[in-house]
Amino acid sequence: MKMNLSEVLNAINHNKTSLLEDDLQERAYVPFVINRSLSYFPDTILYANQVNYYNQMDKKMQFDYLSLTIRPRKRFSKWIKSQEEDDLQLIKDHYNYSNERATEVLRVLTPNQIEDIRSLYQYGG
């Protein structure tokens, strides 16, 4: 059973419902992803760090701690992706290379060459 990330974050941030009622739900809970999502906000980063510090706690205990200590508020943020990940994917698509080979090529290409490749895939409107 896969948990919906937005459902879990909503339960922690806003509506304060308990989601981890059985073992299947507890196994599907991924603390790293939840903590990373909470680390984008100044008012929740310390709580996420505290859970990371005590990572040996049960998942239910981690969820309950976050749910009970974080004040209710609507929070939304996009995942921050590094530019290098985008460039790596661009090289993989353009040359049809594997991750390993694209990483090697990315080290050799100059920023101007990467921009030239990127311009081939940009469609204006």
Protein backbone atom coordinates (compact mmCIF):
# COMPACT_ATOMS: atom_id res chain seq x y z
CA MET A 1 0.00 0.00 0.00
CA LYS A 2 1.50 3.30 -1.09
CA MET A 3 0.68 6.41 0.89
CA ASN A 4 -0.23 9.59 -0.87
CA LEU A 5 2.35 12.23 0.09
CA SER A 6 -0.10 15.11 -0.02
CA GLU A 7 -2.52 13.18 2.19
CA VAL A 8 0.15 12.60 4.84
CA LEU A 9 1.39 16.20 4.73
CA ASN A 10 -2.19 17.44 4.97
CA ALA A 11 -2.73 15.25 8.03
CA ILE A 12 0.38 16.67 9.68
CA ASN A 13 0.03 20.30 8.60
CA HIS A 14 -3.65 21.02 8.48
CA ASN A 15 -6.39 18.61 9.45
CA LYS A 16 -4.49 16.62 12.14
CA THR A 17 -6.04 13.24 11.36
CA SER A 18 -4.29 10.03 12.32
CA LEU A 19 -3.32 7.99 9.26
CA LEU A 20 -1.06 5.27 10.66
CA GLU A 21 -3.68 2.95 12.14
CA ASP A 22 -2.33 -0.40 10.93
CA ASP A 23 0.99 -2.04 10.04
CA LEU A 24 0.52 -1.63 6.27
CA GLN A 25 0.09 2.10 6.57
CA GLU A 26 3.03 2.35 8.94
CA ARG A 27 5.29 0.46 6.53
CA ALA A 28 4.23 2.73 3.68
CA TYR A 29 5.15 5.87 5.65
CA VAL A 30 8.56 7.21 4.53
CA PRO A 31 9.99 9.58 7.17
CA PHE A 32 12.76 10.92 4.91
CA VAL A 33 10.29 12.24 2.35
CA ILE A 34 8.04 13.78 4.99
CA ASN A 35 10.96 15.42 6.78
CA ARG A 36 12.33 16.78 3.54
CA SER A 37 8.94 18.24 2.68
CA LEU A 38 8.68 19.90 6.08
CA SER A 39 12.21 21.27 5.90
CA TYR A 40 11.17 23.87 3.30
CA PHE A 41 9.29 25.95 5.89
CA PRO A 42 10.93 28.04 8.63
CA ASP A 43 8.31 27.09 11.21
CA THR A 44 8.64 23.31 10.67
CA ILE A 45 12.32 22.79 9.86
CA LEU A 46 13.32 22.35 13.50
CA TYR A 47 10.63 19.70 14.05
CA ALA A 48 11.82 17.81 10.97
CA ASN A 49 15.40 18.04 12.21
CA GLN A 50 14.36 16.72 15.62
CA VAL A 51 12.72 13.69 14.01
CA ASN A 52 15.87 13.14 11.94
CA TYR A 53 17.93 13.28 15.12
CA TYR A 54 15.75 10.59 16.74
CA ASN A 55 15.39 8.48 13.60
CA GLN A 56 15.26 5.23 15.58
CA MET A 57 11.73 6.07 16.79
CA ASP A 58 8.77 4.15 15.43
CA LYS A 59 7.22 5.64 12.32
CA LYS A 60 3.92 6.09 14.15
CA MET A 61 5.72 7.92 16.93
CA GLN A 62 7.43 10.21 14.39
CA PHE A 63 4.12 10.92 12.67
CA ASP A 64 2.38 11.63 15.98
CA TYR A 65 5.17 13.94 17.12
CA LEU A 66 4.99 15.97 13.91
CA SER A 67 1.21 15.99 13.85
CA LEU A 68 0.86 17.10 17.47
CA THR A 69 3.64 19.70 17.60
CA ILE A 70 3.29 21.50 14.27
CA ARG A 71 0.69 24.25 14.31
CA PRO A 72 -2.12 23.89 11.77
CA ARG A 73 -1.48 25.86 8.62
CA LYS A 74 -1.72 25.32 4.88
CA ARG A 75 1.79 24.72 3.54
CA PHE A 76 2.77 24.05 -0.03
CA SER A 77 6.11 23.97 -1.78
CA LYS A 78 7.59 22.42 -4.87
CA TRP A 79 10.54 20.07 -4.61
CA ILE A 80 13.79 21.84 -5.28
CA LYS A 81 15.74 20.08 -7.99
CA SER A 82 19.32 20.89 -8.70
CA GLN A 83 20.23 22.25 -12.11
CA GLU A 84 22.71 19.40 -12.50
CA GLU A 85 19.87 16.84 -12.39
CA ASP A 86 18.10 18.70 -15.18
CA ASP A 87 21.33 18.89 -17.19
CA LEU A 88 21.99 15.20 -16.65
CA GLN A 89 18.52 14.33 -17.93
CA LEU A 90 19.05 16.64 -20.91
CA ILE A 91 22.31 14.87 -21.82
CA LYS A 92 20.71 11.46 -21.39
CA ASP A 93 17.84 12.39 -23.69
CA HIS A 94 19.96 14.14 -26.30
CA TYR A 95 22.68 11.51 -26.69
CA ASN A 96 20.65 8.50 -25.48
CA TYR A 97 23.27 7.74 -22.79
CA SER A 98 23.07 5.91 -19.48
CA ASN A 99 23.40 7.75 -16.15
CA GLU A 100 27.05 6.85 -15.84
CA ARG A 101 27.98 7.90 -19.36
CA ALA A 102 25.89 11.10 -19.16
CA THR A 103 27.67 12.04 -15.91
CA GLU A 104 31.02 11.67 -17.64
CA VAL A 105 29.88 13.79 -20.59
CA LEU A 106 28.42 16.44 -18.28
CA ARG A 107 31.86 16.97 -16.71
CA VAL A 108 33.40 17.57 -20.16
CA LEU A 109 30.78 19.91 -21.65
CA THR A 110 31.01 23.65 -21.09
CA PRO A 111 27.98 25.64 -19.87
CA ASN A 112 27.66 27.17 -23.36
CA GLN A 113 27.48 23.73 -24.97
CA ILE A 114 24.80 22.65 -22.48
CA GLU A 115 22.81 25.80 -23.26
CA ASP A 116 23.08 25.04 -26.99
CA ILE A 117 21.67 21.56 -26.41
CA ARG A 118 18.94 22.96 -24.17
CA SER A 119 17.93 25.46 -26.86
CA LEU A 120 17.31 22.56 -29.26
CA TYR A 121 14.56 21.28 -26.96
CA GLN A 122 12.89 24.58 -26.09
CA TYR A 123 9.73 25.31 -27.95
CA GLY A 124 8.55 28.91 -27.90
CA GLY A 125 5.01 30.09 -27.81
